[in-house]
Amino acid sequence: MTAESPIKLDQFLKLMGVAPTGGAAKMMVQDGHVLVNGETETRRGRKLMSGDRVTVAGETFIVALTVQRSLE
């Protein structure tokens, strides 16, 4: 069995297209514009796991991490 790897909050915001750059993601988080599981999160390095809910500007994203196995 393989454990899922967490993703950092700022990386997640970039991946979802909420923030165009890492710097923009950092500012959004530090300025208190991001909620994780209903609570304001100011740590851009917060590790997210599957099932976490990230809310920005009234839009909520549910984290769904997947594990892929290499066929090599």
PDB file of N, CA and C in Angstrom:
ATOM      1  N   MET A   1       0.845  -1.174   0.000  1.00  0.00           N
ATOM      2  CA  MET A   1       0.000   0.000   0.000  1.00  0.00           C
ATOM      3  C   MET A   1       0.891   1.238   0.000  1.00  0.00           C
ATOM      4  N   THR A   2       0.497   2.246  -0.782  1.00  0.00           N
ATOM      5  CA  THR A   2       1.260   3.477  -0.887  1.00  0.00           C
ATOM      6  C   THR A   2       0.475   4.619  -0.269  1.00  0.00           C
ATOM      7  N   ALA A   3       1.127   5.418   0.551  1.00  0.00           N
ATOM      8  CA  ALA A   3       0.455   6.569   1.153  1.00  0.00           C
ATOM      9  C   ALA A   3       0.424   7.720   0.165  1.00  0.00           C
ATOM     10  N   GLU A   4      -0.623   8.512   0.254  1.00  0.00           N
ATOM     11  CA  GLU A   4      -0.702   9.684  -0.609  1.00  0.00           C
ATOM     12  C   GLU A   4       0.250  10.754  -0.096  1.00  0.00           C
ATOM     13  N   SER A   5       0.757  11.549  -1.004  1.00  0.00           N
ATOM     14  CA  SER A   5       1.649  12.634  -0.627  1.00  0.00           C
ATOM     15  C   SER A   5       0.847  13.914  -0.487  1.00  0.00           C
ATOM     16  N   PRO A   6       1.075  14.669   0.573  1.00  0.00           N
ATOM     17  CA  PRO A   6       0.344  15.925   0.728  1.00  0.00           C
ATOM     18  C   PRO A   6       0.829  16.957  -0.287  1.00  0.00           C
ATOM     19  N   ILE A   7       0.038  17.996  -0.506  1.00  0.00           N
ATOM     20  CA  ILE A   7       0.420  19.098  -1.375  1.00  0.00           C
ATOM     21  C   ILE A   7       0.363  20.366  -0.534  1.00  0.00           C
ATOM     22  N   LYS A   8       1.308  21.272  -0.768  1.00  0.00           N
ATOM     23  CA  LYS A   8       1.318  22.522  -0.018  1.00  0.00           C
ATOM     24  C   LYS A   8       0.223  23.441  -0.540  1.00  0.00           C
ATOM     25  N   LEU A   9      -0.314  24.250   0.356  1.00  0.00           N
ATOM     26  CA  LEU A   9      -1.424  25.133   0.025  1.00  0.00           C
ATOM     27  C   LEU A   9      -1.102  26.044  -1.146  1.00  0.00           C
ATOM     28  N   ASP A  10       0.065  26.665  -1.162  1.00  0.00           N
ATOM     29  CA  ASP A  10       0.385  27.575  -2.266  1.00  0.00           C
ATOM     30  C   ASP A  10       0.478  26.828  -3.596  1.00  0.00           C
ATOM     31  N   GLN A  11       0.993  25.613  -3.579  1.00  0.00           N
ATOM     32  CA  GLN A  11       1.060  24.805  -4.803  1.00  0.00           C
ATOM     33  C   GLN A  11      -0.342  24.440  -5.290  1.00  0.00           C
ATOM     34  N   PHE A  12      -1.218  24.129  -4.347  1.00  0.00           N
ATOM     35  CA  PHE A  12      -2.597  23.777  -4.689  1.00  0.00           C
ATOM     36  C   PHE A  12      -3.303  24.959  -5.345  1.00  0.00           C
ATOM     37  N   LEU A  13      -3.107  26.159  -4.802  1.00  0.00           N
ATOM     38  CA  LEU A  13      -3.740  27.348  -5.368  1.00  0.00           C
ATOM     39  C   LEU A  13      -3.275  27.600  -6.792  1.00  0.00           C
ATOM     40  N   LYS A  14      -1.987  27.380  -7.061  1.00  0.00           N
ATOM     41  CA  LYS A  14      -1.470  27.526  -8.425  1.00  0.00           C
ATOM     42  C   LYS A  14      -2.046  26.449  -9.332  1.00  0.00           C
ATOM     43  N   LEU A  15      -2.054  25.216  -8.857  1.00  0.00           N
ATOM     44  CA  LEU A  15      -2.544  24.087  -9.645  1.00  0.00           C
ATOM     45  C   LEU A  15      -4.005  24.272 -10.044  1.00  0.00           C
ATOM     46  N   MET A  16      -4.812  24.810  -9.150  1.00  0.00           N
ATOM     47  CA  MET A  16      -6.234  25.001  -9.418  1.00  0.00           C
ATOM     48  C   MET A  16      -6.504  26.269 -10.231  1.00  0.00           C
ATOM     49  N   GLY A  17      -5.473  27.058 -10.500  1.00  0.00           N
ATOM     50  CA  GLY A  17      -5.643  28.271 -11.288  1.00  0.00           C
ATOM     51  C   GLY A  17      -6.204  29.442 -10.495  1.00  0.00           C
ATOM     52  N   VAL A  18      -6.241  29.318  -9.182  1.00  0.00           N
ATOM     53  CA  VAL A  18      -6.732  30.396  -8.321  1.00  0.00           C
ATOM     54  C   VAL A  18      -5.699  31.518  -8.254  1.00  0.00           C
ATOM     55  N   ALA A  19      -4.430  31.142  -8.252  1.00  0.00           N
ATOM     56  CA  ALA A  19      -3.333  32.110  -8.220  1.00  0.00           C
ATOM     57  C   ALA A  19      -2.453  31.886  -9.443  1.00  0.00           C
ATOM     58  N   PRO A  20      -2.135  32.953 -10.175  1.00  0.00           N
ATOM     59  CA  PRO A  20      -1.321  32.791 -11.380  1.00  0.00           C
ATOM     60  C   PRO A  20       0.147  32.467 -11.103  1.00  0.00           C
ATOM     61  N   THR A  21       0.637  32.874  -9.927  1.00  0.00           N
ATOM     62  CA  THR A  21       2.046  32.638  -9.584  1.00  0.00           C
ATOM     63  C   THR A  21       2.165  32.235  -8.120  1.00  0.00           C
ATOM     64  N   GLY A  22       3.336  31.751  -7.767  1.00  0.00           N
ATOM     65  CA  GLY A  22       3.588  31.408  -6.379  1.00  0.00           C
ATOM     66  C   GLY A  22       3.548  32.637  -5.491  1.00  0.00           C
ATOM     67  N   GLY A  23       4.023  33.761  -6.003  1.00  0.00           N
ATOM     68  CA  GLY A  23       3.999  35.002  -5.243  1.00  0.00           C
ATOM     69  C   GLY A  23       2.578  35.463  -4.960  1.00  0.00           C
ATOM     70  N   ALA A  24       1.710  35.318  -5.959  1.00  0.00           N
ATOM     71  CA  ALA A  24       0.303  35.696  -5.779  1.00  0.00           C
ATOM     72  C   ALA A  24      -0.361  34.786  -4.750  1.00  0.00           C
ATOM     73  N   ALA A  25      -0.045  33.491  -4.811  1.00  0.00           N
ATOM     74  CA  ALA A  25      -0.602  32.536  -3.847  1.00  0.00           C
ATOM     75  C   ALA A  25      -0.143  32.897  -2.435  1.00  0.00           C
ATOM     76  N   LYS A  26       1.125  33.227  -2.304  1.00  0.00           N
ATOM     77  CA  LYS A  26       1.682  33.610  -0.997  1.00  0.00           C
ATOM     78  C   LYS A  26       0.929  34.806  -0.420  1.00  0.00           C
ATOM     79  N   MET A  27       0.701  35.825  -1.246  1.00  0.00           N
ATOM     80  CA  MET A  27       0.014  37.022  -0.774  1.00  0.00           C
ATOM     81  C   MET A  27      -1.430  36.732  -0.390  1.00  0.00           C
ATOM     82  N   MET A  28      -2.130  35.911  -1.170  1.00  0.00           N
ATOM     83  CA  MET A  28      -3.512  35.553  -0.864  1.00  0.00           C
ATOM     84  C   MET A  28      -3.601  34.892   0.509  1.00  0.00           C
ATOM     85  N   VAL A  29      -2.678  33.976   0.750  1.00  0.00           N
ATOM     86  CA  VAL A  29      -2.684  33.231   2.013  1.00  0.00           C
ATOM     87  C   VAL A  29      -2.296  34.158   3.168  1.00  0.00           C
ATOM     88  N   GLN A  30      -1.197  34.880   3.013  1.00  0.00           N
ATOM     89  CA  GLN A  30      -0.727  35.746   4.100  1.00  0.00           C
ATOM     90  C   GLN A  30      -1.725  36.852   4.437  1.00  0.00           C
ATOM     91  N   ASP A  31      -2.502  37.293   3.443  1.00  0.00           N
ATOM     92  CA  ASP A  31      -3.489  38.349   3.676  1.00  0.00           C
ATOM     93  C   ASP A  31      -4.799  37.815   4.253  1.00  0.00           C
ATOM     94  N   GLY A  32      -4.874  36.500   4.493  1.00  0.00           N
ATOM     95  CA  GLY A  32      -6.040  35.913   5.138  1.00  0.00           C
ATOM     96  C   GLY A  32      -7.237  35.685   4.229  1.00  0.00           C
ATOM     97  N   HIS A  33      -6.985  35.553   2.918  1.00  0.00           N
ATOM     98  CA  HIS A  33      -8.073  35.360   1.954  1.00  0.00           C
ATOM     99  C   HIS A  33      -8.395  33.893   1.683  1.00  0.00           C
ATOM    100  N   VAL A  34      -7.733  32.990   2.380  1.00  0.00           N
ATOM    101  CA  VAL A  34      -7.903  31.554   2.109  1.00  0.00           C
ATOM    102  C   VAL A  34      -8.367  30.838   3.374  1.00  0.00           C
ATOM    103  N   LEU A  35      -9.395  30.016   3.232  1.00  0.00           N
ATOM    104  CA  LEU A  35      -9.874  29.185   4.325  1.00  0.00           C
ATOM    105  C   LEU A  35      -9.543  27.728   4.024  1.00  0.00           C
ATOM    106  N   VAL A  36      -9.125  26.999   5.033  1.00  0.00           N
ATOM    107  CA  VAL A  36      -8.923  25.555   4.905  1.00  0.00           C
ATOM    108  C   VAL A  36      -9.817  24.914   5.950  1.00  0.00           C
ATOM    109  N   ASN A  37     -10.731  24.091   5.481  1.00  0.00           N
ATOM    110  CA  ASN A  37     -11.696  23.430   6.356  1.00  0.00           C
ATOM    111  C   ASN A  37     -12.451  24.440   7.233  1.00  0.00           C
ATOM    112  N   GLY A  38     -12.789  25.588   6.616  1.00  0.00           N
ATOM    113  CA  GLY A  38     -13.604  26.592   7.290  1.00  0.00           C
ATOM    114  C   GLY A  38     -12.864  27.566   8.178  1.00  0.00           C
ATOM    115  N   GLU A  39     -11.543  27.425   8.279  1.00  0.00           N
ATOM    116  CA  GLU A  39     -10.760  28.315   9.135  1.00  0.00           C
ATOM    117  C   GLU A  39      -9.717  29.062   8.315  1.00  0.00           C
ATOM    118  N   THR A  40      -9.518  30.343   8.636  1.00  0.00           N
ATOM    119  CA  THR A  40      -8.517  31.143   7.939  1.00  0.00           C
ATOM    120  C   THR A  40      -7.146  30.505   8.112  1.00  0.00           C
ATOM    121  N   GLU A  41      -6.441  30.355   6.993  1.00  0.00           N
ATOM    122  CA  GLU A  41      -5.101  29.756   7.021  1.00  0.00           C
ATOM    123  C   GLU A  41      -4.104  30.772   6.488  1.00  0.00           C
ATOM    124  N   THR A  42      -3.077  31.073   7.265  1.00  0.00           N
ATOM    125  CA  THR A  42      -2.073  32.047   6.843  1.00  0.00           C
ATOM    126  C   THR A  42      -0.704  31.421   6.584  1.00  0.00           C
ATOM    127  N   ARG A  43      -0.644  30.100   6.626  1.00  0.00           N
ATOM    128  CA  ARG A  43       0.623  29.403   6.345  1.00  0.00           C
ATOM    129  C   ARG A  43       0.567  28.857   4.926  1.00  0.00           C
ATOM    130  N   ARG A  44       1.361  29.421   4.025  1.00  0.00           N
ATOM    131  CA  ARG A  44       1.321  28.964   2.633  1.00  0.00           C
ATOM    132  C   ARG A  44       1.851  27.539   2.484  1.00  0.00           C
ATOM    133  N   GLY A  45       2.645  27.088   3.432  1.00  0.00           N
ATOM    134  CA  GLY A  45       3.200  25.739   3.390  1.00  0.00           C
ATOM    135  C   GLY A  45       2.308  24.698   4.043  1.00  0.00           C
ATOM    136  N   ARG A  46       1.104  25.093   4.459  1.00  0.00           N
ATOM    137  CA  ARG A  46       0.164  24.151   5.080  1.00  0.00           C
ATOM    138  C   ARG A  46       0.003  22.942   4.166  1.00  0.00           C
ATOM    139  N   LYS A  47       0.165  21.769   4.715  1.00  0.00           N
ATOM    140  CA  LYS A  47       0.045  20.547   3.915  1.00  0.00           C
ATOM    141  C   LYS A  47      -1.405  20.112   3.861  1.00  0.00           C
ATOM    142  N   LEU A  48      -1.886  19.924   2.648  1.00  0.00           N
ATOM    143  CA  LEU A  48      -3.262  19.510   2.418  1.00  0.00           C
ATOM    144  C   LEU A  48      -3.319  18.025   2.109  1.00  0.00           C
ATOM    145  N   MET A  49      -4.367  17.384   2.588  1.00  0.00           N
ATOM    146  CA  MET A  49      -4.590  15.968   2.312  1.00  0.00           C
ATOM    147  C   MET A  49      -5.942  15.811   1.630  1.00  0.00           C
ATOM    148  N   SER A  50      -6.189  14.657   1.046  1.00  0.00           N
ATOM    149  CA  SER A  50      -7.476  14.397   0.410  1.00  0.00           C
ATOM    150  C   SER A  50      -8.611  14.659   1.392  1.00  0.00           C
ATOM    151  N   GLY A  51      -9.637  15.334   0.904  1.00  0.00           N
ATOM    152  CA  GLY A  51     -10.792  15.642   1.724  1.00  0.00           C
ATOM    153  C   GLY A  51     -10.766  17.034   2.325  1.00  0.00           C
ATOM    154  N   ASP A  52      -9.579  17.666   2.373  1.00  0.00           N
ATOM    155  CA  ASP A  52      -9.517  19.039   2.871  1.00  0.00           C
ATOM    156  C   ASP A  52     -10.303  19.940   1.925  1.00  0.00           C
ATOM    157  N   ARG A  53     -10.926  20.977   2.479  1.00  0.00           N
ATOM    158  CA  ARG A  53     -11.722  21.928   1.707  1.00  0.00           C
ATOM    159  C   ARG A  53     -11.014  23.279   1.742  1.00  0.00           C
ATOM    160  N   VAL A  54     -10.714  23.813   0.555  1.00  0.00           N
ATOM    161  CA  VAL A  54     -10.032  25.097   0.433  1.00  0.00           C
ATOM    162  C   VAL A  54     -11.017  26.084  -0.189  1.00  0.00           C
ATOM    163  N   THR A  55     -11.253  27.206   0.500  1.00  0.00           N
ATOM    164  CA  THR A  55     -12.197  28.210   0.017  1.00  0.00           C
ATOM    165  C   THR A  55     -11.477  29.525  -0.232  1.00  0.00           C
ATOM    166  N   VAL A  56     -11.681  30.059  -1.443  1.00  0.00           N
ATOM    167  CA  VAL A  56     -11.106  31.342  -1.844  1.00  0.00           C
ATOM    168  C   VAL A  56     -12.185  32.115  -2.593  1.00  0.00           C
ATOM    169  N   ALA A  57     -12.428  33.347  -2.188  1.00  0.00           N
ATOM    170  CA  ALA A  57     -13.402  34.225  -2.852  1.00  0.00           C
ATOM    171  C   ALA A  57     -14.753  33.536  -3.041  1.00  0.00           C
ATOM    172  N   GLY A  58     -15.181  32.791  -2.036  1.00  0.00           N
ATOM    173  CA  GLY A  58     -16.492  32.149  -2.069  1.00  0.00           C
ATOM    174  C   GLY A  58     -16.553  30.855  -2.857  1.00  0.00           C
ATOM    175  N   GLU A  59     -15.457  30.445  -3.454  1.00  0.00           N
ATOM    176  CA  GLU A  59     -15.412  29.184  -4.215  1.00  0.00           C
ATOM    177  C   GLU A  59     -14.651  28.139  -3.404  1.00  0.00           C
ATOM    178  N   THR A  60     -15.246  26.959  -3.265  1.00  0.00           N
ATOM    179  CA  THR A  60     -14.631  25.897  -2.469  1.00  0.00           C
ATOM    180  C   THR A  60     -14.131  24.779  -3.361  1.00  0.00           C
ATOM    181  N   PHE A  61     -12.921  24.336  -3.081  1.00  0.00           N
ATOM    182  CA  PHE A  61     -12.285  23.223  -3.784  1.00  0.00           C
ATOM    183  C   PHE A  61     -12.056  22.104  -2.781  1.00  0.00           C
ATOM    184  N   ILE A  62     -12.346  20.878  -3.166  1.00  0.00           N
ATOM    185  CA  ILE A  62     -12.079  19.725  -2.308  1.00  0.00           C
ATOM    186  C   ILE A  62     -10.832  19.035  -2.835  1.00  0.00           C
ATOM    187  N   VAL A  63      -9.856  18.866  -1.962  1.00  0.00           N
ATOM    188  CA  VAL A  63      -8.583  18.253  -2.350  1.00  0.00           C
ATOM    189  C   VAL A  63      -8.794  16.766  -2.588  1.00  0.00           C
ATOM    190  N   ALA A  64      -8.340  16.292  -3.744  1.00  0.00           N
ATOM    191  CA  ALA A  64      -8.424  14.872  -4.081  1.00  0.00           C
ATOM    192  C   ALA A  64      -7.070  14.449  -4.632  1.00  0.00           C
ATOM    193  N   LEU A  65      -6.241  13.895  -3.783  1.00  0.00           N
ATOM    194  CA  LEU A  65      -4.910  13.444  -4.190  1.00  0.00           C
ATOM    195  C   LEU A  65      -5.001  12.005  -4.656  1.00  0.00           C
ATOM    196  N   THR A  66      -4.264  11.691  -5.690  1.00  0.00           N
ATOM    197  CA  THR A  66      -4.251  10.323  -6.189  1.00  0.00           C
ATOM    198  C   THR A  66      -2.838   9.770  -6.161  1.00  0.00           C
ATOM    199  N   VAL A  67      -2.748   8.497  -6.123  1.00  0.00           N
ATOM    200  CA  VAL A  67      -1.476   7.793  -6.144  1.00  0.00           C
ATOM    201  C   VAL A  67      -1.377   7.050  -7.455  1.00  0.00           C
ATOM    202  N   GLN A  68      -0.270   7.222  -8.162  1.00  0.00           N
ATOM    203  CA  GLN A  68      -0.065   6.499  -9.405  1.00  0.00           C
ATOM    204  C   GLN A  68       1.110   5.551  -9.247  1.00  0.00           C
ATOM    205  N   ARG A  69       0.956   4.381  -9.815  1.00  0.00           N
ATOM    206  CA  ARG A  69       2.010   3.372  -9.759  1.00  0.00           C
ATOM    207  C   ARG A  69       2.713   3.328 -11.114  1.00  0.00           C
ATOM    208  N   SER A  70       4.002   3.343 -11.081  1.00  0.00           N
ATOM    209  CA  SER A  70       4.768   3.245 -12.315  1.00  0.00           C
ATOM    210  C   SER A  70       4.728   1.808 -12.805  1.00  0.00           C
ATOM    211  N   LEU A  71       4.578   1.633 -14.084  1.00  0.00           N
ATOM    212  CA  LEU A  71       4.537   0.282 -14.663  1.00  0.00           C
ATOM    213  C   LEU A  71       5.906  -0.162 -15.136  1.00  0.00           C
ATOM    214  N   GLU A  72       6.942   0.517 -14.722  1.00  0.00           N
ATOM    215  CA  GLU A  72       8.309   0.157 -15.142  1.00  0.00           C
ATOM    216  C   GLU A  72       8.772  -1.085 -14.427  1.00  0.00           C
TER     217      GLU A  72
END
